[in-house]
Protein backbone atom coordinates (compact mmCIF):
# COMPACT_ATOMS: atom_id res chain seq x y z
CA MET A 1 272.00 71.60 222.47
CA ASP A 2 274.31 74.49 221.67
CA ILE A 3 274.90 76.37 218.45
CA ASP A 4 278.31 74.50 217.81
CA GLU A 5 277.01 70.68 218.62
CA PHE A 6 273.83 71.91 215.96
CA LEU A 7 276.70 73.57 212.95
CA ASP A 8 278.75 70.42 213.65
CA ARG A 9 275.34 67.84 213.24
CA GLU A 10 274.27 70.02 210.02
CA ILE A 11 278.29 69.71 208.42
CA SER A 12 278.20 65.79 209.20
CA ASP A 13 274.82 65.13 207.15
CA LEU A 14 275.92 67.26 204.83
CA GLY A 15 279.05 64.76 204.31
CA LEU A 16 281.83 67.08 204.91
CA ILE A 17 284.94 67.13 207.07
CA THR A 18 285.23 68.70 210.45
CA ASP A 19 287.74 67.50 213.40
CA LYS A 20 285.13 66.16 215.03
CA THR A 21 284.09 63.78 212.11
CA GLU A 22 285.32 60.91 210.47
CA LYS A 23 287.54 61.71 207.20
CA LEU A 24 286.01 60.76 203.99
CA GLU A 25 287.53 57.85 202.41
CA ILE A 26 289.57 59.96 199.07
CA PRO A 27 290.21 57.90 196.05
CA ASP A 28 293.36 56.90 195.11
CA PHE A 29 293.63 58.30 191.58
CA GLN A 30 297.53 57.27 191.76
CA ALA A 31 296.77 53.12 192.13
CA GLN A 32 296.41 51.95 188.96
CA ALA A 33 293.83 48.58 188.17
CA GLU A 34 294.89 45.47 186.92
CA PRO A 35 295.12 45.79 182.77
CA SER A 36 291.21 44.53 181.45
CA PRO A 37 290.58 42.69 178.36
CA LEU A 38 288.67 46.08 176.89
CA LEU A 39 292.44 47.89 177.72
CA GLU A 40 294.15 45.22 175.90
CA ASN A 41 291.75 44.73 172.78
CA ILE A 42 292.07 49.13 172.17
CA LYS A 43 295.81 48.42 172.63
CA HIS A 44 296.04 46.04 170.28
CA ASN A 45 293.92 47.91 167.78
CA LEU A 46 295.76 51.35 168.35
CA SER A 47 299.35 48.84 167.62
CA LYS A 48 297.56 47.68 164.24
CA GLY A 49 296.38 51.15 163.29
CA ASN A 50 292.70 50.40 163.86
CA LEU A 51 291.58 53.27 165.12
CA GLU A 52 288.02 52.93 164.40
CA GLN A 53 287.54 49.74 165.87
CA ALA A 54 289.89 51.13 168.95
CA GLU A 55 287.29 54.25 169.10
CA GLN A 56 284.27 51.65 169.33
CA ILE A 57 285.70 50.19 172.26
CA TYR A 58 286.69 53.72 173.82
CA VAL A 59 283.10 55.06 173.36
CA GLN A 60 282.09 52.26 175.42
CA LEU A 61 284.04 53.12 178.34
CA TRP A 62 282.57 56.29 178.52
CA HIS A 63 279.47 55.25 178.26
CA VAL A 64 280.19 53.16 181.44
CA LEU A 65 281.22 56.10 183.17
CA MET A 66 278.31 57.68 182.41
CA GLN A 67 276.20 55.19 183.75
CA GLN A 68 278.10 56.03 186.95
CA LYS A 69 277.11 59.32 187.26
CA LEU A 70 279.73 60.60 190.30
CA LYS A 71 279.57 57.49 191.73
CA TRP A 72 283.81 56.84 191.78
CA ASN A 73 284.84 53.92 189.41
CA LYS A 74 288.65 53.87 189.90
CA GLU A 75 288.83 51.12 187.43
CA ILE A 76 286.95 53.16 184.41
CA TYR A 77 288.97 55.72 185.86
CA GLU A 78 292.43 54.38 185.25
CA GLN A 79 291.30 52.77 182.01
CA LEU A 80 290.09 55.84 180.09
CA HIS A 81 292.85 57.79 181.62
CA LEU A 82 295.18 55.26 179.85
CA ILE A 83 293.73 54.66 177.18
CA SER A 84 293.41 58.61 176.35
CA ARG A 85 297.34 58.96 176.67
CA GLN A 86 297.59 55.90 174.09
CA PHE A 87 295.15 57.82 171.54
CA SER A 88 297.02 60.85 171.44
CA GLY A 89 300.01 59.35 170.72
CA ALA A 90 298.37 56.86 167.82
CA LEU A 91 296.11 59.94 166.87
CA ASN A 92 299.24 62.43 166.23
CA TYR A 93 301.30 59.95 164.35
CA ALA A 94 297.72 59.14 162.10
CA TYR A 95 297.49 62.68 161.64
CA GLU A 96 300.76 63.40 160.19
CA GLU A 97 300.22 60.14 158.14
CA LEU A 98 296.97 61.73 156.42
CA LYS A 99 298.63 64.87 156.03
CA ARG A 100 301.20 62.94 153.54
CA LYS A 101 298.24 61.15 152.07
CA SER A 102 296.43 64.20 151.27
CA SER A 103 299.54 65.75 149.63
CA TYR A 104 300.18 62.83 147.69
CA ILE A 105 296.70 63.09 146.77
CA ASN A 106 296.58 66.07 145.42
CA GLU A 107 299.77 65.46 143.32
CA LEU A 108 298.40 62.72 141.63
CA ILE A 109 295.04 64.84 140.79
CA ASN A 110 297.29 67.27 139.48
CA ARG A 111 299.02 64.44 137.19
CA ALA A 112 295.46 63.34 136.10
CA ARG A 113 294.33 66.83 134.92
CA ASN A 114 297.60 67.48 133.15
CA ALA A 115 297.01 64.02 131.42
CA MET A 116 293.23 64.87 129.99
CA LYS A 117 295.09 68.16 128.49
CA GLU A 118 297.56 65.95 126.58
CA GLY A 119 294.75 63.86 125.61
CA ARG A 120 296.25 60.52 127.32
CA LYS A 121 292.87 59.16 127.69
CA GLU A 122 293.57 55.74 129.94
CA MET A 123 296.12 57.60 132.40
CA PRO A 124 293.46 59.79 134.42
CA PHE A 125 291.22 56.62 135.55
CA LYS A 126 294.73 54.47 136.12
CA LEU A 127 295.52 57.83 138.79
CA TYR A 128 291.87 58.50 139.75
CA SER A 129 291.73 54.02 140.75
CA GLU A 130 295.20 54.99 143.32
CA ILE A 131 293.40 58.42 144.53
CA GLU A 132 290.15 56.16 145.54
CA GLU A 133 292.29 53.51 147.19
CA ILE A 134 294.44 56.04 148.89
CA ASN A 135 291.38 58.09 150.24
CA ASN A 136 289.54 54.82 151.23
CA SER A 137 292.65 54.04 153.86
CA ILE A 138 292.67 56.99 155.67
CA PRO A 139 290.88 56.18 159.14
CA ASN A 140 287.30 57.58 159.46
CA VAL A 141 287.93 59.26 162.54
CA PHE A 142 289.25 62.27 160.87
CA PHE A 143 285.68 63.56 159.20
CA GLU A 144 286.41 66.61 159.00
CA GLU A 145 290.03 66.10 157.25
CA LYS A 146 288.89 63.08 155.33
CA LYS A 147 285.78 65.65 154.54
CA ILE A 148 287.96 68.17 152.41
CA ILE A 149 289.65 65.27 150.72
CA GLN A 150 286.74 64.15 149.66
CA GLU A 151 285.46 67.25 148.15
CA GLN A 152 289.21 67.26 146.29
CA ILE A 153 288.46 64.38 144.50
CA MET A 154 284.77 64.64 143.66
CA ASP A 155 285.80 67.92 141.50
CA PHE A 156 288.28 65.93 139.48
CA TYR A 157 285.93 63.51 139.25
CA LYS A 158 283.24 65.43 137.63
CA GLU A 159 285.74 66.82 135.41
CA LEU A 160 287.41 63.52 134.48
CA LYS A 161 283.06 62.02 133.84
CA ASN A 162 282.32 65.53 132.20
CA THR A 163 285.45 64.65 129.49
CA THR A 164 284.87 61.26 129.20
CA ASP A 165 281.12 61.99 128.50
CA ASN A 166 281.43 64.75 125.89
CA GLU A 167 283.98 62.25 124.51
CA LEU A 168 281.33 59.40 124.02
CA ILE A 169 278.96 61.89 123.06
CA LYS A 170 280.83 63.02 119.95
CA ARG A 171 281.97 59.59 119.32
CA VAL A 172 278.47 58.23 119.19
CA ASN A 173 277.45 60.77 117.15
CA ILE A 174 279.83 60.17 114.05
CA LEU A 175 278.24 56.60 114.29
CA LEU A 176 274.66 57.30 114.19
CA GLN A 177 275.87 59.79 111.16
CA GLU A 178 277.39 57.17 109.49
CA ILE A 179 274.35 54.60 110.16
CA ASN A 180 272.02 56.98 108.66
CA GLN A 181 274.30 57.66 105.53
CA LEU A 182 274.24 53.62 105.23
CA ILE A 183 270.79 53.38 105.66
CA ASN A 184 269.98 56.18 102.65
CA LYS A 185 272.88 54.68 100.22
CA THR A 186 270.59 51.14 100.81
CA ASP A 187 267.08 52.61 100.31
CA MET A 188 268.68 54.02 97.01
CA SER A 189 270.16 50.63 95.92
CA ILE A 190 266.85 49.28 96.91
CA ARG A 191 264.94 51.30 94.87
CA THR A 192 267.35 51.74 91.91
CA ASN A 193 267.13 47.64 92.06
CA ASP A 194 270.63 46.90 93.03
CA MET A 195 270.68 44.67 95.34
CA THR A 196 273.67 43.45 96.19
CA ASN A 197 275.37 46.88 96.85
CA ALA A 198 271.95 46.99 99.20
CA ILE A 199 272.66 43.97 100.88
CA VAL A 200 276.43 44.97 101.82
CA ASN A 201 275.51 48.38 103.17
CA TYR A 202 272.80 46.81 105.23
CA ASN A 203 275.22 44.37 106.82
CA LYS A 204 278.02 47.50 107.49
CA CYS A 205 274.73 49.30 109.07
CA LEU A 206 273.82 46.47 111.24
CA GLU A 207 277.65 46.24 112.67
CA ILE A 208 277.90 49.81 113.28
CA TYR A 209 274.45 50.22 114.50
CA ASN A 210 275.44 47.22 117.72
CA GLN A 211 278.47 49.37 118.49
CA VAL A 212 275.83 52.20 120.00
CA PRO A 213 276.13 52.12 123.53
CA GLU A 214 273.26 52.27 126.17
CA GLY A 215 271.96 55.51 126.93
CA PHE A 216 271.19 56.54 123.42
CA LEU A 217 267.91 54.64 122.98
CA ARG A 218 265.79 57.35 121.51
CA GLN A 219 268.34 57.78 118.18
CA LYS A 220 268.78 53.92 118.20
CA ASN A 221 264.89 53.53 118.29
CA SER A 222 264.90 56.13 115.43
CA LEU A 223 267.10 54.76 113.46
CA GLY A 224 266.10 50.85 114.39
CA MET A 225 262.79 51.63 112.57
CA ARG A 226 264.11 52.09 109.31
CA LEU A 227 266.78 49.18 109.14
CA LEU A 228 263.25 47.50 109.99
CA GLU A 229 261.96 48.53 106.90
CA ILE A 230 264.69 47.71 105.32
CA TYR A 231 265.31 44.14 106.25
CA LYS A 232 261.61 43.67 105.60
CA SER A 233 262.42 44.59 101.88
CA LEU A 234 265.72 42.19 101.50
CA SER A 235 264.05 39.35 102.99
CA ILE A 236 261.51 39.15 100.71
CA TYR A 237 264.14 40.17 97.44
CA ASN A 238 265.83 36.97 98.89
CA GLU A 239 262.82 34.70 99.40
CA ILE A 240 261.72 35.43 95.76
CA SER A 241 264.93 35.00 94.27
CA ASN A 242 265.49 31.67 96.55
CA LEU A 243 261.99 30.62 95.04
CA GLN A 244 263.02 31.86 91.19
CA ARG A 245 265.77 29.85 91.39
CA GLN A 246 263.94 26.89 92.68
CA LEU A 247 261.39 26.97 89.79
CA SER A 248 264.38 27.48 87.56
CA GLN A 249 265.89 23.82 88.37
CA ARG A 250 262.59 22.75 88.15
CA PRO A 251 260.86 24.28 85.16
CA HIS A 252 257.94 21.29 84.94
CA GLU A 253 257.42 21.07 88.59
CA SER A 254 255.15 23.06 90.87
CA LEU A 255 254.46 23.27 94.46
CA GLN A 256 251.69 20.48 94.61
CA PRO A 257 251.82 18.41 91.55
CA GLN A 258 249.36 16.02 92.14
CA THR A 259 246.22 19.06 91.33
CA LEU A 260 248.37 20.49 88.63
CA PRO A 261 246.30 18.19 85.97
CA GLN A 262 242.90 20.10 86.55
CA THR A 263 244.57 23.23 86.21
CA GLN A 264 246.15 22.41 82.79
CA GLN A 265 242.80 21.75 81.57
CA MET A 266 241.51 24.94 82.57
CA SER A 267 240.67 27.83 80.34
CA ALA A 268 243.27 30.50 79.89
CA PRO A 269 240.18 33.38 80.84
CA LEU A 270 239.09 30.62 84.25
CA LYS A 271 242.66 30.12 85.07
CA SER A 272 243.38 34.07 85.03
CA SER A 273 240.14 34.63 86.80
CA LEU A 274 241.04 32.30 89.49
CA LEU A 275 244.32 33.16 89.87
CA LYS A 276 243.13 36.34 90.32
CA GLU A 277 240.72 35.42 93.44
CA LYS A 278 243.15 33.78 94.96
CA LYS A 279 245.80 36.37 95.18
CA GLU A 280 242.77 38.72 96.24
CA ARG A 281 241.80 36.45 99.07
CA ALA A 282 245.75 35.46 99.53
CA LYS A 283 245.70 39.55 100.34
CA ARG A 284 242.97 40.14 102.25
CA ASN A 285 243.63 37.52 105.06
CA ILE A 286 246.82 38.66 105.57
CA GLU A 287 245.46 42.18 106.39
CA LYS A 288 243.08 40.33 108.94
CA GLY A 289 246.42 38.33 110.11
CA PHE A 290 245.25 35.26 109.09
CA TYR A 291 248.60 34.23 107.71
CA ASN A 292 248.50 30.57 107.30
CA GLU A 293 245.27 30.61 105.34
CA ALA A 294 246.67 33.60 102.99
CA SER A 295 249.96 31.15 102.48
CA LYS A 296 246.92 28.16 101.49
CA ASP A 297 245.90 30.60 99.26
CA ILE A 298 249.25 31.78 97.39
CA GLN A 299 250.08 28.17 96.92
CA GLU A 300 247.06 27.21 95.33
CA ALA A 301 247.83 30.26 93.41
CA LEU A 302 251.14 29.48 92.32
CA GLN A 303 250.00 25.74 91.62
CA ILE A 304 247.53 27.43 89.06
CA GLU A 305 250.33 29.75 87.50
CA PRO A 306 253.87 28.72 89.04
CA ASN A 307 255.65 31.88 87.30
CA ASP A 308 253.34 34.70 88.43
CA ALA A 309 255.69 37.73 89.64
CA GLU A 310 253.14 38.84 92.13
CA ALA A 311 252.03 35.55 93.80
CA LYS A 312 255.78 35.21 94.07
CA ALA A 313 256.14 38.03 96.03
CA ILE A 314 252.95 37.51 98.25
CA HIS A 315 254.57 34.05 98.80
CA ALA A 316 257.62 35.53 99.99
CA LYS A 317 255.95 38.73 102.13
CA ILE A 318 253.82 35.90 103.84
CA LYS A 319 257.29 33.91 105.15
CA THR A 320 258.82 37.09 106.75
CA LEU A 321 255.41 38.07 108.50
CA GLN A 322 254.67 34.02 109.65
């Protein structure tokens, strides 16, 4: 074997073309394959402006090409080549649309900021809603550009939230001050026995208290504890008043007429001692939390002396506790 034959054989083993070997098949890059369903799907999405959906199929084709390694696949090549050209035109159009929307978003943000300065409270929120709607219509394929737009929107949102939060705090502080003043007035009315004004102020106080929004629990809880004490005092007063009205309408009746004759036959010292004992027992039962037993004791005390003021007060207190 001479040197020429040796070299020819080595070149042939490497797959290189020589004048002594058959020529390899060169891929026909010009011929076009039949349109595939994937290609038609991408074209359909691009025509509708659905760049995200078209991109997903585009990425799938590239994964298929990657799996081919360097094995020639005419169909994938031609599909990707055609799709890339179509993407180029669609992306250019969408990018111009993005720039137009970005400019309009900046215009809306400036209008909203001016509205905030002028004290027009509703307008910035309406404009922000429109801004978000436009931003959501920008395709996610423009990640970098959309990130810049979103940062501008977030800066504006922080301004808007900070302004509204500060206004809310001011409004709530005014409500809390008004509640505090009404509580003080109510306490003063109770101390001076002006129950009519105490009830009126208490009802106003409750109405304003319920206007305080969520997020101010610490302040509401502090005022709420004071309101509960007022509620307790006014409830006891109301029970006593109702009981007095009932007794005034039935001056010769007691709570349990069947045992009244026995008490009427008692001497005054015995009646007084028994009355005191019943009231003291009722108080002890209240302290222990035995409200039913306390109620029974105080009813027996009122049977002994229906007009005893302390017994009436204890009776009213028990009703608020039960």
